Amino acid sequence: MKISPAKENILKRVRNALSQSVQLPFPNSEGNSSVFRTENESLELKFAEEFTRLQGKFVFCTGKGELIESLRALCENKEWHNVFCQTPALLKMMHTEELPALNQGSMHEADAAITDCEYLVARTGTVVLSAAQPSGRALPVYAPVHIMVAYTHQLVFDLKDALNKLKDKYGNDLPSAISFATGPSRTADIEKTLVVGIHGPKEVYVFLVDE
């Protein structure tokens, strides 16, 4: 097929342009550097600001004793009768005499679920979860209220930091599912009206324990 002189001229200009190196518009955003400044920022404060802005509920605890007391006060205030947890490390720390609503029924009857998490991403207020956690995939999205217990060493600034830590933690045996939860589930697909809790918990809490 014969190419017209006009098309040939356009193709020639495209070939010439592709053969030349192009200056990146934001060179500092490439490689290991970040366009987001991290210096002089408190990760705890940054995460709390972003998480609460997205309708998450944040509680800072100075130790495990304050964590148990805060959880008990929340259960009493909400009048929960079954707070389901299947994370051994959390169950070892919590006892039914301190938290009477703990595991008083099945997951299907839970008023709320308590799980751990992998990491907290401060820049976006995101919680990183994985299928490798004892709570699995179902519990974090099944219960109407999701409570996550995290520790200050799990705070990272950006998503790439969380992914790098996951690679370091699991090596070549990454979990079958890694999810990023940023506040309660929401959608605006129904008549363009924002609905919270349509595909998961209506309320999401993060209890951050200072170590």
N, C-alpha and C. Protein backbone atom coordinates (compact mmCIF):
# COMPACT_ATOMS: atom_id res chain seq x y z
N MET A 1 0.85 -1.19 0.00
CA MET A 1 0.00 0.00 0.00
C MET A 1 0.89 1.24 0.00
N LYS A 2 0.57 2.16 -0.88
CA LYS A 2 1.37 3.37 -1.01
C LYS A 2 0.98 4.38 0.06
N ILE A 3 1.98 4.96 0.73
CA ILE A 3 1.73 5.95 1.77
C ILE A 3 1.85 7.33 1.18
N SER A 4 0.87 8.17 1.49
CA SER A 4 0.88 9.53 0.95
C SER A 4 2.02 10.33 1.54
N PRO A 5 2.49 11.35 0.80
CA PRO A 5 3.60 12.18 1.31
C PRO A 5 3.30 12.79 2.67
N ALA A 6 2.05 13.17 2.92
CA ALA A 6 1.70 13.80 4.20
C ALA A 6 1.87 12.80 5.35
N LYS A 7 1.38 11.56 5.15
CA LYS A 7 1.52 10.54 6.20
C LYS A 7 2.98 10.16 6.42
N GLU A 8 3.73 10.07 5.32
CA GLU A 8 5.15 9.74 5.43
C GLU A 8 5.89 10.80 6.23
N ASN A 9 5.51 12.05 6.04
CA ASN A 9 6.14 13.15 6.78
C ASN A 9 5.85 13.04 8.28
N ILE A 10 4.59 12.69 8.61
CA ILE A 10 4.21 12.53 10.02
C ILE A 10 4.98 11.37 10.65
N LEU A 11 5.04 10.21 9.94
CA LEU A 11 5.76 9.05 10.47
C LEU A 11 7.24 9.35 10.67
N LYS A 12 7.80 10.12 9.76
CA LYS A 12 9.21 10.49 9.86
C LYS A 12 9.46 11.33 11.12
N ARG A 13 8.56 12.25 11.40
CA ARG A 13 8.71 13.09 12.59
C ARG A 13 8.56 12.26 13.88
N VAL A 14 7.64 11.27 13.84
CA VAL A 14 7.47 10.40 15.01
C VAL A 14 8.73 9.57 15.25
N ARG A 15 9.29 9.00 14.17
CA ARG A 15 10.52 8.20 14.30
C ARG A 15 11.66 9.04 14.84
N ASN A 16 11.77 10.26 14.37
CA ASN A 16 12.84 11.15 14.84
C ASN A 16 12.67 11.47 16.33
N ALA A 17 11.43 11.69 16.73
CA ALA A 17 11.16 12.03 18.13
C ALA A 17 11.49 10.85 19.04
N LEU A 18 11.13 9.61 18.60
CA LEU A 18 11.38 8.43 19.42
C LEU A 18 12.86 8.10 19.53
N SER A 19 13.64 8.53 18.57
CA SER A 19 15.08 8.23 18.59
C SER A 19 15.85 9.14 19.53
N GLN A 20 15.21 10.19 20.03
CA GLN A 20 15.88 11.15 20.90
C GLN A 20 15.48 10.91 22.35
N SER A 21 16.41 11.14 23.26
CA SER A 21 16.10 11.00 24.69
C SER A 21 15.17 12.13 25.13
N VAL A 22 14.25 11.79 26.03
CA VAL A 22 13.26 12.76 26.49
C VAL A 22 13.53 13.09 27.95
N GLN A 23 13.58 14.38 28.26
CA GLN A 23 13.78 14.81 29.64
C GLN A 23 12.52 14.52 30.46
N LEU A 24 12.67 13.82 31.59
CA LEU A 24 11.52 13.53 32.44
C LEU A 24 10.97 14.82 33.03
N PRO A 25 9.64 14.99 33.07
CA PRO A 25 9.07 16.22 33.60
C PRO A 25 9.32 16.40 35.09
N PHE A 26 9.37 15.28 35.86
CA PHE A 26 9.62 15.34 37.29
C PHE A 26 10.72 14.34 37.64
N PRO A 27 11.97 14.66 37.32
CA PRO A 27 13.05 13.69 37.52
C PRO A 27 13.23 13.24 38.95
N ASN A 28 12.89 14.10 39.92
CA ASN A 28 13.09 13.73 41.32
C ASN A 28 12.08 12.71 41.82
N SER A 29 11.03 12.46 41.02
CA SER A 29 10.02 11.49 41.44
C SER A 29 10.38 10.07 41.03
N GLU A 30 11.45 9.91 40.25
CA GLU A 30 11.87 8.59 39.80
C GLU A 30 12.87 7.98 40.76
N GLY A 31 13.02 6.66 40.67
CA GLY A 31 14.02 5.97 41.48
C GLY A 31 13.59 5.84 42.92
N ASN A 32 14.56 5.98 43.83
CA ASN A 32 14.27 5.76 45.24
C ASN A 32 13.72 6.98 45.95
N SER A 33 13.78 8.14 45.29
CA SER A 33 13.30 9.35 45.95
C SER A 33 11.78 9.39 45.92
N SER A 34 11.21 10.24 46.74
CA SER A 34 9.75 10.35 46.81
C SER A 34 9.34 11.79 46.65
N VAL A 35 8.22 12.01 45.96
CA VAL A 35 7.70 13.36 45.80
C VAL A 35 7.05 13.83 47.10
N PHE A 36 6.84 12.92 48.05
CA PHE A 36 6.22 13.26 49.31
C PHE A 36 7.29 13.43 50.37
N ARG A 37 7.26 14.55 51.05
CA ARG A 37 8.27 14.83 52.06
C ARG A 37 7.94 14.10 53.35
N THR A 38 8.93 13.44 53.92
CA THR A 38 8.70 12.66 55.14
C THR A 38 9.40 13.25 56.35
N GLU A 39 10.36 14.17 56.13
CA GLU A 39 11.13 14.65 57.26
C GLU A 39 10.25 15.47 58.21
N ASN A 40 10.59 15.36 59.51
CA ASN A 40 9.92 16.11 60.56
C ASN A 40 8.42 15.79 60.66
N GLU A 41 8.02 14.66 60.19
CA GLU A 41 6.61 14.28 60.28
C GLU A 41 6.46 13.15 61.30
N SER A 42 5.45 13.25 62.14
CA SER A 42 5.12 12.18 63.06
C SER A 42 4.22 11.20 62.33
N LEU A 43 4.67 9.95 62.19
CA LEU A 43 3.87 8.96 61.48
C LEU A 43 2.56 8.69 62.20
N GLU A 44 2.60 8.66 63.54
CA GLU A 44 1.38 8.44 64.31
C GLU A 44 0.34 9.52 64.01
N LEU A 45 0.80 10.78 64.05
CA LEU A 45 -0.12 11.90 63.83
C LEU A 45 -0.62 11.93 62.40
N LYS A 46 0.27 11.68 61.45
CA LYS A 46 -0.12 11.70 60.04
C LYS A 46 -1.16 10.61 59.77
N PHE A 47 -0.91 9.41 60.27
CA PHE A 47 -1.87 8.33 60.06
C PHE A 47 -3.21 8.68 60.69
N ALA A 48 -3.20 9.18 61.92
CA ALA A 48 -4.44 9.51 62.62
C ALA A 48 -5.24 10.56 61.85
N GLU A 49 -4.57 11.56 61.32
CA GLU A 49 -5.24 12.62 60.56
C GLU A 49 -5.91 12.06 59.31
N GLU A 50 -5.16 11.27 58.55
CA GLU A 50 -5.69 10.74 57.29
C GLU A 50 -6.77 9.70 57.53
N PHE A 51 -6.56 8.85 58.53
CA PHE A 51 -7.51 7.78 58.81
C PHE A 51 -8.85 8.34 59.29
N THR A 52 -8.82 9.31 60.18
CA THR A 52 -10.07 9.90 60.69
C THR A 52 -10.74 10.75 59.62
N ARG A 53 -9.97 11.36 58.74
CA ARG A 53 -10.55 12.14 57.65
C ARG A 53 -11.40 11.26 56.74
N LEU A 54 -11.06 9.97 56.68
CA LEU A 54 -11.79 9.02 55.84
C LEU A 54 -12.83 8.23 56.65
N GLN A 55 -13.25 8.80 57.77
CA GLN A 55 -14.30 8.24 58.63
C GLN A 55 -13.85 7.03 59.44
N GLY A 56 -12.54 6.79 59.51
CA GLY A 56 -12.05 5.78 60.43
C GLY A 56 -11.99 6.33 61.84
N LYS A 57 -11.95 5.45 62.83
CA LYS A 57 -11.92 5.86 64.23
C LYS A 57 -10.62 5.39 64.86
N PHE A 58 -9.84 6.35 65.34
CA PHE A 58 -8.48 6.09 65.79
C PHE A 58 -8.39 6.26 67.31
N VAL A 59 -7.73 5.29 67.95
CA VAL A 59 -7.52 5.34 69.40
C VAL A 59 -6.05 5.06 69.68
N PHE A 60 -5.38 5.97 70.36
CA PHE A 60 -3.98 5.78 70.71
C PHE A 60 -3.89 5.28 72.15
N CYS A 61 -3.16 4.19 72.35
CA CYS A 61 -3.02 3.59 73.68
C CYS A 61 -1.55 3.59 74.09
N THR A 62 -1.29 3.99 75.32
CA THR A 62 0.10 4.07 75.78
C THR A 62 0.67 2.71 76.18
N GLY A 63 -0.17 1.70 76.23
CA GLY A 63 0.30 0.35 76.56
C GLY A 63 -0.83 -0.65 76.45
N LYS A 64 -0.53 -1.90 76.74
CA LYS A 64 -1.54 -2.96 76.59
C LYS A 64 -2.66 -2.82 77.61
N GLY A 65 -2.34 -2.32 78.80
CA GLY A 65 -3.37 -2.12 79.81
C GLY A 65 -4.41 -1.11 79.34
N GLU A 66 -3.95 -0.03 78.76
CA GLU A 66 -4.87 0.99 78.25
C GLU A 66 -5.66 0.46 77.06
N LEU A 67 -5.05 -0.41 76.26
CA LEU A 67 -5.75 -1.03 75.13
C LEU A 67 -6.94 -1.84 75.63
N ILE A 68 -6.72 -2.70 76.64
CA ILE A 68 -7.80 -3.54 77.18
C ILE A 68 -8.90 -2.66 77.76
N GLU A 69 -8.52 -1.64 78.49
CA GLU A 69 -9.51 -0.76 79.11
C GLU A 69 -10.33 -0.03 78.04
N SER A 70 -9.68 0.41 76.98
CA SER A 70 -10.38 1.13 75.90
C SER A 70 -11.32 0.19 75.16
N LEU A 71 -10.90 -1.04 74.92
CA LEU A 71 -11.76 -2.01 74.26
C LEU A 71 -12.98 -2.34 75.10
N ARG A 72 -12.77 -2.49 76.40
CA ARG A 72 -13.89 -2.80 77.29
C ARG A 72 -14.89 -1.65 77.32
N ALA A 73 -14.38 -0.42 77.38
CA ALA A 73 -15.26 0.75 77.39
C ALA A 73 -16.06 0.85 76.09
N LEU A 74 -15.41 0.52 74.98
CA LEU A 74 -16.10 0.56 73.68
C LEU A 74 -17.21 -0.49 73.62
N CYS A 75 -16.91 -1.70 74.08
CA CYS A 75 -17.91 -2.77 74.07
C CYS A 75 -19.12 -2.41 74.94
N GLU A 76 -18.85 -1.82 76.10
CA GLU A 76 -19.94 -1.44 77.00
C GLU A 76 -20.77 -0.31 76.40
N ASN A 77 -20.10 0.65 75.80
CA ASN A 77 -20.80 1.79 75.21
C ASN A 77 -21.68 1.36 74.04
N LYS A 78 -21.18 0.43 73.24
CA LYS A 78 -21.92 -0.04 72.06
C LYS A 78 -22.90 -1.18 72.40
N GLU A 79 -22.80 -1.69 73.63
CA GLU A 79 -23.64 -2.82 74.07
C GLU A 79 -23.45 -4.04 73.17
N TRP A 80 -22.19 -4.35 72.87
CA TRP A 80 -21.88 -5.53 72.08
C TRP A 80 -21.90 -6.77 72.97
N HIS A 81 -22.42 -7.87 72.43
CA HIS A 81 -22.49 -9.11 73.19
C HIS A 81 -21.53 -10.18 72.65
N ASN A 82 -21.05 -10.00 71.44
CA ASN A 82 -20.11 -10.96 70.86
C ASN A 82 -19.08 -10.24 70.01
N VAL A 83 -17.89 -10.12 70.55
CA VAL A 83 -16.77 -9.53 69.81
C VAL A 83 -15.85 -10.68 69.44
N PHE A 84 -15.77 -11.00 68.17
CA PHE A 84 -15.11 -12.22 67.74
C PHE A 84 -13.65 -11.94 67.37
N CYS A 85 -12.78 -12.83 67.85
CA CYS A 85 -11.34 -12.71 67.56
C CYS A 85 -10.75 -14.12 67.43
N GLN A 86 -9.90 -14.30 66.42
CA GLN A 86 -9.24 -15.60 66.26
C GLN A 86 -7.73 -15.44 66.05
N THR A 87 -7.19 -14.33 66.55
CA THR A 87 -5.75 -14.08 66.47
C THR A 87 -5.10 -14.50 67.78
N PRO A 88 -4.29 -15.57 67.78
CA PRO A 88 -3.72 -16.10 69.03
C PRO A 88 -3.00 -15.06 69.88
N ALA A 89 -2.21 -14.19 69.27
CA ALA A 89 -1.46 -13.20 70.05
C ALA A 89 -2.40 -12.24 70.79
N LEU A 90 -3.50 -11.88 70.17
CA LEU A 90 -4.47 -10.99 70.81
C LEU A 90 -5.27 -11.73 71.87
N LEU A 91 -5.63 -12.98 71.59
CA LEU A 91 -6.38 -13.77 72.56
C LEU A 91 -5.54 -14.04 73.82
N LYS A 92 -4.24 -14.18 73.64
CA LYS A 92 -3.35 -14.39 74.78
C LYS A 92 -3.31 -13.17 75.67
N MET A 93 -3.46 -11.99 75.04
CA MET A 93 -3.40 -10.74 75.78
C MET A 93 -4.75 -10.39 76.42
N MET A 94 -5.85 -10.75 75.74
CA MET A 94 -7.19 -10.42 76.22
C MET A 94 -7.81 -11.62 76.92
N HIS A 95 -8.57 -11.37 77.95
CA HIS A 95 -9.23 -12.45 78.70
C HIS A 95 -10.70 -12.08 78.90
N THR A 96 -11.54 -13.08 79.01
CA THR A 96 -12.99 -12.85 79.11
C THR A 96 -13.36 -12.08 80.38
N GLU A 97 -12.56 -12.23 81.45
CA GLU A 97 -12.88 -11.46 82.66
C GLU A 97 -12.63 -9.97 82.44
N GLU A 98 -11.72 -9.64 81.51
CA GLU A 98 -11.46 -8.24 81.19
C GLU A 98 -12.36 -7.75 80.05
N LEU A 99 -12.71 -8.66 79.16
CA LEU A 99 -13.53 -8.33 78.00
C LEU A 99 -14.65 -9.38 77.90
N PRO A 100 -15.73 -9.22 78.67
CA PRO A 100 -16.77 -10.26 78.77
C PRO A 100 -17.41 -10.63 77.43
N ALA A 101 -17.42 -9.72 76.47
CA ALA A 101 -18.08 -10.00 75.19
C ALA A 101 -17.20 -10.82 74.24
N LEU A 102 -15.97 -11.11 74.65
CA LEU A 102 -15.02 -11.77 73.76
C LEU A 102 -15.46 -13.19 73.42
N ASN A 103 -15.63 -13.47 72.13
CA ASN A 103 -15.95 -14.80 71.61
C ASN A 103 -17.12 -15.47 72.33
N GLN A 104 -18.21 -14.73 72.44
CA GLN A 104 -19.42 -15.26 73.05
C GLN A 104 -20.39 -15.81 72.00
N GLY A 105 -19.85 -16.21 70.87
CA GLY A 105 -20.65 -16.77 69.78
C GLY A 105 -19.75 -16.99 68.57
N SER A 106 -20.36 -17.30 67.44
CA SER A 106 -19.59 -17.57 66.22
C SER A 106 -19.32 -16.27 65.46
N MET A 107 -18.49 -16.38 64.43
CA MET A 107 -18.19 -15.24 63.58
C MET A 107 -19.46 -14.69 62.93
N HIS A 108 -20.39 -15.59 62.62
CA HIS A 108 -21.62 -15.20 61.93
C HIS A 108 -22.56 -14.40 62.83
N GLU A 109 -22.31 -14.45 64.14
CA GLU A 109 -23.16 -13.73 65.09
C GLU A 109 -22.44 -12.52 65.68
N ALA A 110 -21.28 -12.19 65.15
CA ALA A 110 -20.42 -11.17 65.76
C ALA A 110 -20.98 -9.76 65.59
N ASP A 111 -20.95 -9.00 66.68
CA ASP A 111 -21.26 -7.56 66.61
C ASP A 111 -20.07 -6.80 66.06
N ALA A 112 -18.87 -7.32 66.33
CA ALA A 112 -17.62 -6.69 65.87
C ALA A 112 -16.54 -7.76 65.81
N ALA A 113 -15.50 -7.48 65.04
CA ALA A 113 -14.36 -8.39 64.92
C ALA A 113 -13.09 -7.66 65.29
N ILE A 114 -12.22 -8.35 66.00
CA ILE A 114 -10.90 -7.80 66.35
C ILE A 114 -9.83 -8.60 65.62
N THR A 115 -8.97 -7.91 64.89
CA THR A 115 -7.87 -8.57 64.19
C THR A 115 -6.58 -7.77 64.39
N ASP A 116 -5.49 -8.38 63.98
CA ASP A 116 -4.25 -7.62 63.86
C ASP A 116 -4.17 -7.08 62.44
N CYS A 117 -3.03 -6.56 62.04
CA CYS A 117 -2.83 -6.10 60.67
C CYS A 117 -1.35 -6.25 60.33
N GLU A 118 -1.02 -6.01 59.09
CA GLU A 118 0.38 -6.10 58.67
C GLU A 118 1.10 -4.77 58.93
N TYR A 119 0.56 -3.69 58.34
CA TYR A 119 1.20 -2.38 58.46
C TYR A 119 0.15 -1.28 58.39
N LEU A 120 0.54 -0.09 58.85
CA LEU A 120 -0.27 1.12 58.72
C LEU A 120 0.49 2.11 57.84
N VAL A 121 -0.17 2.63 56.82
CA VAL A 121 0.45 3.57 55.89
C VAL A 121 0.00 4.98 56.28
N ALA A 122 0.95 5.78 56.76
CA ALA A 122 0.61 7.09 57.32
C ALA A 122 0.12 8.07 56.26
N ARG A 123 0.74 8.08 55.09
CA ARG A 123 0.42 9.11 54.09
C ARG A 123 -1.02 9.06 53.63
N THR A 124 -1.60 7.86 53.57
CA THR A 124 -2.96 7.71 53.04
C THR A 124 -3.97 7.23 54.09
N GLY A 125 -3.51 6.96 55.31
CA GLY A 125 -4.42 6.43 56.32
C GLY A 125 -4.92 5.04 56.00
N THR A 126 -4.04 4.24 55.40
CA THR A 126 -4.41 2.91 54.91
C THR A 126 -3.89 1.82 55.85
N VAL A 127 -4.71 0.78 56.01
CA VAL A 127 -4.30 -0.40 56.78
C VAL A 127 -4.01 -1.53 55.80
N VAL A 128 -2.86 -2.16 55.94
CA VAL A 128 -2.47 -3.27 55.06
C VAL A 128 -2.79 -4.59 55.76
N LEU A 129 -3.57 -5.42 55.08
CA LEU A 129 -3.97 -6.73 55.59
C LEU A 129 -3.53 -7.81 54.62
N SER A 130 -3.41 -9.04 55.10
CA SER A 130 -3.05 -10.14 54.20
C SER A 130 -3.73 -11.43 54.62
N ALA A 131 -3.78 -12.36 53.68
CA ALA A 131 -4.39 -13.67 53.95
C ALA A 131 -3.54 -14.50 54.90
N ALA A 132 -2.30 -14.10 55.14
CA ALA A 132 -1.43 -14.85 56.05
C ALA A 132 -1.75 -14.59 57.52
N GLN A 133 -2.54 -13.58 57.80
CA GLN A 133 -2.93 -13.30 59.18
C GLN A 133 -3.90 -14.36 59.69
N PRO A 134 -3.92 -14.63 60.99
CA PRO A 134 -4.82 -15.65 61.54
C PRO A 134 -6.29 -15.37 61.25
N SER A 135 -6.66 -14.12 61.08
CA SER A 135 -8.06 -13.77 60.80
C SER A 135 -8.47 -14.13 59.38
N GLY A 136 -7.48 -14.39 58.50
CA GLY A 136 -7.79 -14.79 57.13
C GLY A 136 -8.43 -13.68 56.32
N ARG A 137 -9.14 -14.07 55.26
CA ARG A 137 -9.76 -13.08 54.39
C ARG A 137 -11.16 -12.68 54.83
N ALA A 138 -11.88 -13.60 55.47
CA ALA A 138 -13.31 -13.38 55.71
C ALA A 138 -13.61 -12.43 56.86
N LEU A 139 -12.96 -12.65 58.00
CA LEU A 139 -13.33 -11.92 59.21
C LEU A 139 -13.24 -10.40 59.07
N PRO A 140 -12.19 -9.83 58.46
CA PRO A 140 -12.12 -8.37 58.36
C PRO A 140 -13.25 -7.72 57.58
N VAL A 141 -13.92 -8.47 56.70
CA VAL A 141 -14.98 -7.87 55.89
C VAL A 141 -16.37 -8.40 56.27
N TYR A 142 -16.43 -9.42 57.11
CA TYR A 142 -17.72 -10.05 57.42
C TYR A 142 -18.47 -9.31 58.51
N ALA A 143 -17.78 -8.96 59.58
CA ALA A 143 -18.44 -8.33 60.73
C ALA A 143 -18.83 -6.89 60.40
N PRO A 144 -19.89 -6.37 61.00
CA PRO A 144 -20.33 -5.00 60.72
C PRO A 144 -19.37 -3.93 61.24
N VAL A 145 -18.54 -4.32 62.22
CA VAL A 145 -17.53 -3.40 62.76
C VAL A 145 -16.20 -4.13 62.80
N HIS A 146 -15.16 -3.49 62.29
CA HIS A 146 -13.82 -4.09 62.27
C HIS A 146 -12.89 -3.28 63.16
N ILE A 147 -12.32 -3.94 64.15
CA ILE A 147 -11.37 -3.31 65.07
C ILE A 147 -10.00 -3.92 64.82
N MET A 148 -9.03 -3.07 64.54
CA MET A 148 -7.66 -3.56 64.30
C MET A 148 -6.73 -3.06 65.39
N VAL A 149 -5.90 -3.95 65.89
CA VAL A 149 -4.90 -3.61 66.88
C VAL A 149 -3.54 -3.59 66.19
N ALA A 150 -2.85 -2.47 66.30
CA ALA A 150 -1.54 -2.31 65.66
C ALA A 150 -0.56 -1.72 66.67
N TYR A 151 0.72 -1.82 66.34
CA TYR A 151 1.78 -1.30 67.20
C TYR A 151 2.60 -0.27 66.42
N THR A 152 3.25 0.61 67.16
CA THR A 152 3.93 1.73 66.51
C THR A 152 5.02 1.28 65.53
N HIS A 153 5.61 0.10 65.75
CA HIS A 153 6.65 -0.36 64.83
C HIS A 153 6.07 -0.76 63.47
N GLN A 154 4.75 -0.86 63.37
CA GLN A 154 4.12 -1.25 62.11
C GLN A 154 3.80 -0.03 61.22
N LEU A 155 4.08 1.16 61.72
CA LEU A 155 3.83 2.37 60.94
C LEU A 155 4.90 2.55 59.86
N VAL A 156 4.46 2.83 58.64
CA VAL A 156 5.36 3.20 57.55
C VAL A 156 4.80 4.44 56.89
N PHE A 157 5.59 5.12 56.10
CA PHE A 157 5.10 6.37 55.51
C PHE A 157 4.26 6.14 54.26
N ASP A 158 4.77 5.35 53.32
CA ASP A 158 4.10 5.23 52.03
C ASP A 158 3.80 3.76 51.70
N LEU A 159 2.98 3.56 50.67
CA LEU A 159 2.61 2.20 50.27
C LEU A 159 3.83 1.38 49.85
N LYS A 160 4.78 2.01 49.17
CA LYS A 160 5.94 1.25 48.72
C LYS A 160 6.77 0.75 49.90
N ASP A 161 6.75 1.51 51.01
CA ASP A 161 7.45 1.07 52.21
C ASP A 161 6.79 -0.19 52.79
N ALA A 162 5.47 -0.21 52.78
CA ALA A 162 4.74 -1.39 53.26
C ALA A 162 5.02 -2.61 52.38
N LEU A 163 5.03 -2.41 51.06
CA LEU A 163 5.30 -3.52 50.14
C LEU A 163 6.71 -4.05 50.32
N ASN A 164 7.66 -3.15 50.52
CA ASN A 164 9.05 -3.59 50.73
C ASN A 164 9.17 -4.41 52.02
N LYS A 165 8.46 -3.98 53.06
CA LYS A 165 8.50 -4.71 54.33
C LYS A 165 7.82 -6.08 54.21
N LEU A 166 6.75 -6.15 53.41
CA LEU A 166 6.10 -7.43 53.17
C LEU A 166 7.05 -8.39 52.45
N LYS A 167 7.81 -7.86 51.48
CA LYS A 167 8.78 -8.69 50.76
C LYS A 167 9.87 -9.19 51.70
N ASP A 168 10.31 -8.30 52.60
CA ASP A 168 11.34 -8.69 53.57
C ASP A 168 10.80 -9.74 54.54
N LYS A 169 9.55 -9.60 54.91
CA LYS A 169 8.94 -10.49 55.90
C LYS A 169 8.66 -11.88 55.34
N TYR A 170 8.12 -11.93 54.12
CA TYR A 170 7.68 -13.21 53.56
C TYR A 170 8.60 -13.76 52.47
N GLY A 171 9.52 -12.93 51.99
CA GLY A 171 10.42 -13.40 50.93
C GLY A 171 9.67 -13.79 49.67
N ASN A 172 10.00 -14.96 49.14
CA ASN A 172 9.34 -15.43 47.91
C ASN A 172 7.99 -16.10 48.17
N ASP A 173 7.62 -16.20 49.43
CA ASP A 173 6.36 -16.85 49.79
C ASP A 173 5.33 -15.81 50.25
N LEU A 174 5.03 -14.86 49.37
CA LEU A 174 4.08 -13.80 49.70
C LEU A 174 2.68 -14.37 49.93
N PRO A 175 1.87 -13.74 50.79
CA PRO A 175 0.50 -14.21 51.01
C PRO A 175 -0.30 -14.24 49.70
N SER A 176 -1.29 -15.11 49.66
CA SER A 176 -2.10 -15.25 48.45
C SER A 176 -2.95 -14.02 48.18
N ALA A 177 -3.20 -13.21 49.21
CA ALA A 177 -3.97 -11.98 49.03
C ALA A 177 -3.42 -10.91 49.95
N ILE A 178 -3.22 -9.72 49.42
CA ILE A 178 -2.81 -8.54 50.19
C ILE A 178 -3.83 -7.46 49.89
N SER A 179 -4.43 -6.90 50.92
CA SER A 179 -5.47 -5.88 50.70
C SER A 179 -5.11 -4.59 51.42
N PHE A 180 -5.64 -3.49 50.90
CA PHE A 180 -5.39 -2.17 51.44
C PHE A 180 -6.74 -1.55 51.81
N ALA A 181 -6.99 -1.39 53.10
CA ALA A 181 -8.27 -0.86 53.58
C ALA A 181 -8.06 0.58 54.04
N THR A 182 -8.80 1.49 53.41
CA THR A 182 -8.69 2.90 53.74
C THR A 182 -10.05 3.39 54.24
N GLY A 183 -10.29 3.24 55.52
CA GLY A 183 -11.57 3.63 56.11
C GLY A 183 -12.66 2.60 55.85
N PRO A 184 -13.89 2.89 56.27
CA PRO A 184 -15.01 1.98 56.01
C PRO A 184 -15.25 1.83 54.52
N SER A 185 -15.83 0.69 54.12
CA SER A 185 -16.13 0.48 52.71
C SER A 185 -17.19 1.49 52.27
N ARG A 186 -17.08 1.95 51.02
CA ARG A 186 -18.02 2.95 50.52
C ARG A 186 -18.17 2.81 49.02
N THR A 187 -19.31 3.25 48.52
CA THR A 187 -19.54 3.26 47.09
C THR A 187 -20.51 4.38 46.76
N ALA A 188 -20.39 4.90 45.53
CA ALA A 188 -21.33 5.92 45.04
C ALA A 188 -22.01 5.42 43.77
N ASP A 189 -22.02 4.09 43.59
CA ASP A 189 -22.61 3.52 42.38
C ASP A 189 -24.14 3.60 42.38
N ILE A 190 -24.73 3.71 43.58
CA ILE A 190 -26.19 3.71 43.67
C ILE A 190 -26.70 5.15 43.56
N GLU A 191 -27.20 5.50 42.39
CA GLU A 191 -27.74 6.83 42.12
C GLU A 191 -26.77 7.94 42.52
N LYS A 192 -25.46 7.65 42.41
CA LYS A 192 -24.41 8.63 42.70
C LYS A 192 -24.48 9.17 44.13
N THR A 193 -25.03 8.36 45.02
CA THR A 193 -25.11 8.73 46.44
C THR A 193 -24.12 7.90 47.22
N LEU A 194 -23.28 8.56 48.01
CA LEU A 194 -22.27 7.84 48.79
C LEU A 194 -22.92 7.01 49.87
N VAL A 195 -22.64 5.70 49.85
CA VAL A 195 -23.17 4.77 50.85
C VAL A 195 -21.99 4.12 51.56
N VAL A 196 -21.98 4.17 52.87
CA VAL A 196 -20.89 3.60 53.67
C VAL A 196 -21.28 2.23 54.18
N GLY A 197 -20.35 1.28 54.09
CA GLY A 197 -20.58 -0.06 54.62
C GLY A 197 -21.31 -0.99 53.67
N ILE A 198 -21.32 -0.67 52.39
CA ILE A 198 -22.09 -1.47 51.45
C ILE A 198 -21.39 -2.80 51.12
N HIS A 199 -20.06 -2.81 51.13
CA HIS A 199 -19.31 -4.03 50.78
C HIS A 199 -18.44 -4.53 51.93
N GLY A 200 -18.69 -4.07 53.12
CA GLY A 200 -17.85 -4.46 54.25
C GLY A 200 -18.28 -3.72 55.50
N PRO A 201 -17.40 -3.59 56.49
CA PRO A 201 -17.76 -2.97 57.77
C PRO A 201 -18.24 -1.53 57.61
N LYS A 202 -19.23 -1.17 58.43
CA LYS A 202 -19.71 0.20 58.45
C LYS A 202 -18.84 1.09 59.32
N GLU A 203 -18.16 0.46 60.27
CA GLU A 203 -17.26 1.19 61.16
C GLU A 203 -15.92 0.47 61.21
N VAL A 204 -14.84 1.25 61.20
CA VAL A 204 -13.50 0.68 61.27
C VAL A 204 -12.71 1.43 62.34
N TYR A 205 -12.15 0.68 63.27
CA TYR A 205 -11.35 1.26 64.35
C TYR A 205 -9.89 0.79 64.21
N VAL A 206 -8.96 1.67 64.56
CA VAL A 206 -7.57 1.27 64.72
C VAL A 206 -7.14 1.68 66.12
N PHE A 207 -6.75 0.68 66.91
CA PHE A 207 -6.17 0.93 68.24
C PHE A 207 -4.65 0.81 68.08
N LEU A 208 -3.96 1.91 68.18
CA LEU A 208 -2.50 1.91 68.02
C LEU A 208 -1.84 1.90 69.39
N VAL A 209 -1.05 0.87 69.64
CA VAL A 209 -0.40 0.70 70.93
C VAL A 209 1.03 1.21 70.85
N ASP A 210 1.38 2.13 71.73
CA ASP A 210 2.73 2.68 71.77
C ASP A 210 3.67 1.69 72.46
N GLU A 211 4.79 1.39 71.82
CA GLU A 211 5.74 0.45 72.39
C GLU A 211 6.93 1.17 73.03
